[in-house]
Amino acid sequence: MKNRQFAVIGLGRFGSSVAVTLSSLGYDVLAIDSSEQQVQAIANEVTHAVQVDALDENALKALGIRNFDVVIVAMGDDIQANILVTVILKEIGVKYVISKAKNSMHGKVLAKVGADKVVYPEKDMGIRIAYHLVSENILDFIELSPDYSIIEVVTPPEFAGKSIGNLNLRAKYGISVLAIKKKDEIVADPGADSIIDEKDILVFVGKNTSLSYFPHK
C-alpha cells in the first residue's frame, strides 16, 4: 500500500494536518493551495507543494490530479468553492474524493455532487483520517501532544500468540501497551506475561514516529 499517492487541496489546519501525517508515514503527497504563504509553510514536509487555484480545471489536469489514488478537498471556509472543486475532481476522473464539510447541509450537497466520503473534521480528526487512509487496522487515534499519541489497532499477525514480554515493544519501539481488548474482557495495564491473541484489540501509547510502525503493516 506504500505506493499510494494522495493530494490535499486546501492547506488550512485540517488539510495541513492530513498532508503532513500522510507524508510522515512515507506516502507521496501533493499539497495544493491558492496561497503562496500556505504552500511555502508546508513545502519541506510533503513530497510536492504547489500554488494553484483549484477551481482551474486545466491547472488540475496539468498536475495529473486524476492519477492520484485519493484527493482530499480540505477547503472549508468557502463552501461554494469546496463544492465546485469536488465536482471538477469527479468530472476529471479522480477515483476517490474526500471532501470536508462545515455542516450537515453542506455535507448532503457534497454527497449529491459525487464526493465519495464527507468528513466534518477538527485537527485531530485530520490525523485520524490520514491514518485510516493507509491502514484498515488502525481503529482509533488520539493525539496527546505533537509528539505522542494513543492508537487502537487490530493485533498484527506477527504479535498473535506472543506475550508482551516476548515482544519487548517498549525496548524495541518505545511503545507501551495500555490495554488489551479481548472478546469478553478488557485487560488494563497488562503485565509482561499477558498473551496477545489473534483477534485482540491493542491500545498503545508512544511517540508518533514509533507508532507509525503499525500503518505500514
Protein backbone atom coordinates (compact mmCIF):
# COMPACT_ATOMS: atom_id res chain seq x y z
CA MET A 1 0.00 0.00 0.00
CA LYS A 2 3.04 2.30 0.37
CA ASN A 3 2.95 3.27 -3.34
CA ARG A 4 -0.43 5.01 -3.00
CA GLN A 5 -0.46 8.71 -3.85
CA PHE A 6 -2.50 11.40 -2.12
CA ALA A 7 -3.33 15.01 -3.00
CA VAL A 8 -4.62 17.53 -0.48
CA ILE A 9 -6.36 20.68 -1.70
CA GLY A 10 -6.57 23.44 0.90
CA LEU A 11 -3.80 23.82 3.46
CA GLY A 12 -5.58 25.16 6.49
CA ARG A 13 -5.30 23.39 9.85
CA PHE A 14 -7.12 20.25 8.71
CA GLY A 15 -5.55 19.98 5.27
CA SER A 16 -2.04 20.57 6.57
CA SER A 17 -2.61 18.00 9.31
CA VAL A 18 -3.66 15.33 6.81
CA ALA A 19 -0.87 16.15 4.35
CA VAL A 20 1.94 16.18 6.91
CA THR A 21 0.74 13.00 8.62
CA LEU A 22 0.50 11.07 5.34
CA SER A 23 3.93 12.32 4.33
CA SER A 24 5.44 11.34 7.70
CA LEU A 25 4.14 7.82 7.10
CA GLY A 26 6.13 7.63 3.89
CA TYR A 27 3.47 8.31 1.26
CA ASP A 28 3.72 10.60 -1.77
CA VAL A 29 1.70 13.72 -1.04
CA LEU A 30 0.88 16.63 -3.34
CA ALA A 31 -0.24 19.67 -1.32
CA ILE A 32 -2.23 22.36 -3.17
CA ASP A 33 -3.37 25.82 -2.11
CA SER A 34 -4.00 29.18 -3.75
CA SER A 35 -1.95 30.89 -1.03
CA GLU A 36 1.77 31.08 -1.63
CA GLN A 37 2.31 31.50 2.11
CA GLN A 38 0.45 28.27 2.92
CA VAL A 39 2.35 26.39 0.24
CA GLN A 40 5.73 27.62 1.45
CA ALA A 41 4.86 26.73 5.05
CA ILE A 42 4.39 23.06 4.17
CA ALA A 43 6.81 22.67 1.25
CA ASN A 44 9.53 20.94 3.27
CA GLU A 45 7.13 18.48 4.90
CA VAL A 46 5.46 16.91 1.84
CA THR A 47 6.58 15.41 -1.48
CA HIS A 48 5.35 18.35 -3.58
CA ALA A 49 3.59 21.61 -2.73
CA VAL A 50 2.18 23.88 -5.42
CA GLN A 51 0.32 27.19 -5.57
CA VAL A 52 -2.69 26.56 -7.79
CA ASP A 53 -6.27 27.80 -7.99
CA ALA A 54 -8.17 24.54 -7.51
CA LEU A 55 -11.11 25.99 -9.47
CA ASP A 56 -8.89 26.00 -12.57
CA GLU A 57 -9.72 22.64 -14.15
CA ASN A 58 -6.89 22.86 -16.68
CA ALA A 59 -4.35 23.55 -13.93
CA LEU A 60 -5.54 20.48 -12.01
CA LYS A 61 -5.31 18.36 -15.16
CA ALA A 62 -1.76 19.64 -15.74
CA LEU A 63 -0.85 18.38 -12.26
CA GLY A 64 -2.08 14.91 -13.24
CA ILE A 65 -4.64 15.01 -10.43
CA ARG A 66 -6.70 12.16 -11.91
CA ASN A 67 -3.78 9.79 -11.37
CA PHE A 68 -3.84 10.19 -7.59
CA ASP A 69 -5.48 7.41 -5.59
CA VAL A 70 -7.18 9.78 -3.15
CA VAL A 71 -7.77 13.53 -3.27
CA ILE A 72 -8.83 15.32 -0.08
CA VAL A 73 -10.73 18.59 -0.56
CA ALA A 74 -9.86 20.39 2.66
CA MET A 75 -11.13 23.84 1.66
CA GLY A 76 -13.61 24.70 4.38
CA ASP A 77 -14.34 28.41 4.59
CA ASP A 78 -15.56 28.88 1.01
CA ILE A 79 -18.41 26.39 0.75
CA GLN A 80 -19.16 27.19 -2.90
CA ALA A 81 -15.54 26.67 -3.96
CA ASN A 82 -15.38 23.47 -1.92
CA ILE A 83 -18.42 22.06 -3.76
CA LEU A 84 -17.21 23.17 -7.19
CA VAL A 85 -13.76 21.65 -6.69
CA THR A 86 -15.38 18.37 -5.66
CA VAL A 87 -17.45 18.41 -8.88
CA ILE A 88 -14.39 19.22 -11.00
CA LEU A 89 -12.37 16.39 -9.48
CA LYS A 90 -15.07 13.80 -10.16
CA GLU A 91 -15.54 15.09 -13.72
CA ILE A 92 -11.79 14.86 -14.32
CA GLY A 93 -11.96 11.24 -13.21
CA VAL A 94 -10.40 11.18 -9.74
CA LYS A 95 -11.10 7.74 -8.27
CA TYR A 96 -11.76 8.69 -4.64
CA VAL A 97 -12.58 12.17 -3.34
CA ILE A 98 -12.89 13.03 0.35
CA SER A 99 -14.45 16.44 0.98
CA LYS A 100 -14.54 18.50 4.16
CA ALA A 101 -17.96 19.85 5.14
CA LYS A 102 -18.81 22.69 7.56
CA ASN A 103 -22.26 21.38 8.46
CA SER A 104 -24.75 18.62 7.66
CA MET A 105 -26.44 20.53 4.80
CA HIS A 106 -23.07 21.21 3.19
CA GLY A 107 -22.27 17.51 3.60
CA LYS A 108 -25.51 16.47 1.89
CA VAL A 109 -24.69 18.65 -1.10
CA LEU A 110 -21.16 17.23 -1.32
CA ALA A 111 -22.54 13.69 -1.29
CA LYS A 112 -25.02 14.56 -4.05
CA VAL A 113 -22.34 16.04 -6.32
CA GLY A 114 -20.16 12.96 -6.07
CA ALA A 115 -17.93 13.09 -3.00
CA ASP A 116 -17.02 9.51 -2.09
CA LYS A 117 -16.66 10.43 1.58
CA VAL A 118 -17.65 13.51 3.57
CA VAL A 119 -15.91 14.46 6.81
CA TYR A 120 -16.57 17.09 9.47
CA PRO A 121 -13.13 17.43 10.98
CA GLU A 122 -11.07 19.26 13.55
CA LYS A 123 -7.28 18.98 13.62
CA ASP A 124 -7.11 15.67 15.49
CA MET A 125 -9.67 14.19 13.09
CA GLY A 126 -7.39 15.18 10.25
CA ILE A 127 -4.69 12.97 11.71
CA ARG A 128 -7.19 10.13 12.20
CA ILE A 129 -8.33 10.40 8.58
CA ALA A 130 -4.74 10.13 7.40
CA TYR A 131 -4.08 7.00 9.46
CA HIS A 132 -7.34 5.37 8.35
CA LEU A 133 -6.44 6.04 4.73
CA VAL A 134 -3.29 3.95 4.94
CA SER A 135 -4.36 1.14 7.27
CA GLU A 136 -7.63 -0.61 7.98
CA ASN A 137 -6.01 -1.96 11.16
CA ILE A 138 -5.97 1.46 12.82
CA LEU A 139 -9.30 1.68 14.68
CA ASP A 140 -8.73 4.92 16.54
CA PHE A 141 -6.08 7.59 17.00
CA ILE A 142 -5.83 10.22 19.74
CA GLU A 143 -3.18 12.92 19.63
CA LEU A 144 -1.86 13.61 23.14
CA SER A 145 0.74 16.15 22.02
CA PRO A 146 2.62 16.99 18.81
CA ASP A 147 4.95 14.07 19.55
CA TYR A 148 2.88 11.46 21.43
CA SER A 149 -0.36 9.67 20.63
CA ILE A 150 -2.58 6.73 21.56
CA ILE A 151 -3.67 4.27 18.88
CA GLU A 152 -6.07 1.34 18.93
CA VAL A 153 -5.15 -1.42 16.47
CA VAL A 154 -6.16 -4.88 15.41
CA THR A 155 -3.49 -7.35 16.53
CA PRO A 156 -0.80 -7.64 13.82
CA PRO A 157 -0.38 -11.29 12.73
CA GLU A 158 3.22 -11.37 13.99
CA PHE A 159 2.06 -10.47 17.54
CA ALA A 160 -0.51 -13.28 17.88
CA GLY A 161 0.27 -15.96 20.44
CA LYS A 162 3.13 -13.99 22.00
CA SER A 163 3.38 -12.32 25.37
CA ILE A 164 4.03 -8.63 25.88
CA GLY A 165 7.34 -9.54 27.48
CA ASN A 166 8.41 -11.61 24.47
CA LEU A 167 7.58 -8.80 22.05
CA ASN A 168 9.64 -6.34 24.10
CA LEU A 169 7.83 -3.43 22.42
CA ARG A 170 8.99 -0.77 24.85
CA ALA A 171 12.67 -1.54 24.28
CA LYS A 172 12.36 -2.11 20.52
CA TYR A 173 9.98 0.66 19.53
CA GLY A 174 9.36 2.83 22.59
CA ILE A 175 5.71 1.71 22.66
CA SER A 176 3.73 0.77 25.75
CA VAL A 177 0.58 -1.38 25.84
CA LEU A 178 -2.15 0.40 27.80
CA ALA A 179 -4.80 -2.27 27.38
CA ILE A 180 -5.80 -5.46 25.56
CA LYS A 181 -9.42 -5.74 24.48
CA LYS A 182 -10.38 -9.40 24.33
CA LYS A 183 -13.73 -10.89 23.35
CA ASP A 184 -15.23 -10.82 26.83
CA GLU A 185 -12.95 -8.52 28.81
CA ILE A 186 -10.56 -5.61 28.81
CA VAL A 187 -7.14 -6.19 30.36
CA ALA A 188 -5.93 -2.79 31.59
CA ASP A 189 -2.22 -2.22 32.12
CA PRO A 190 -1.34 -5.82 31.10
CA GLY A 191 1.79 -7.40 32.53
CA ALA A 192 4.74 -8.90 30.70
CA ASP A 193 3.19 -12.39 30.84
CA SER A 194 -0.09 -11.29 29.19
CA ILE A 195 -0.66 -13.24 25.97
CA ILE A 196 -1.93 -11.45 22.86
CA ASP A 197 -4.45 -13.46 20.86
CA GLU A 198 -5.21 -13.21 17.14
CA LYS A 199 -8.43 -11.18 17.37
CA ASP A 200 -7.48 -8.93 20.26
CA ILE A 201 -7.61 -5.15 20.01
CA LEU A 202 -4.47 -3.47 21.34
CA VAL A 203 -4.23 0.05 22.76
CA PHE A 204 -0.75 1.57 22.54
CA VAL A 205 0.82 4.83 23.63
CA GLY A 206 4.09 6.17 22.31
CA LYS A 207 5.90 8.62 20.08
CA ASN A 208 4.28 9.22 16.70
CA THR A 209 7.49 8.16 14.98
CA SER A 210 7.32 4.80 16.77
CA LEU A 211 3.59 4.30 16.29
CA SER A 212 3.99 4.74 12.52
CA TYR A 213 5.25 1.13 12.57
CA PHE A 214 1.64 -0.06 12.53
CA PRO A 215 0.10 1.63 9.46
CA HIS A 216 2.83 0.14 7.29
CA LYS A 217 1.92 -3.45 8.11
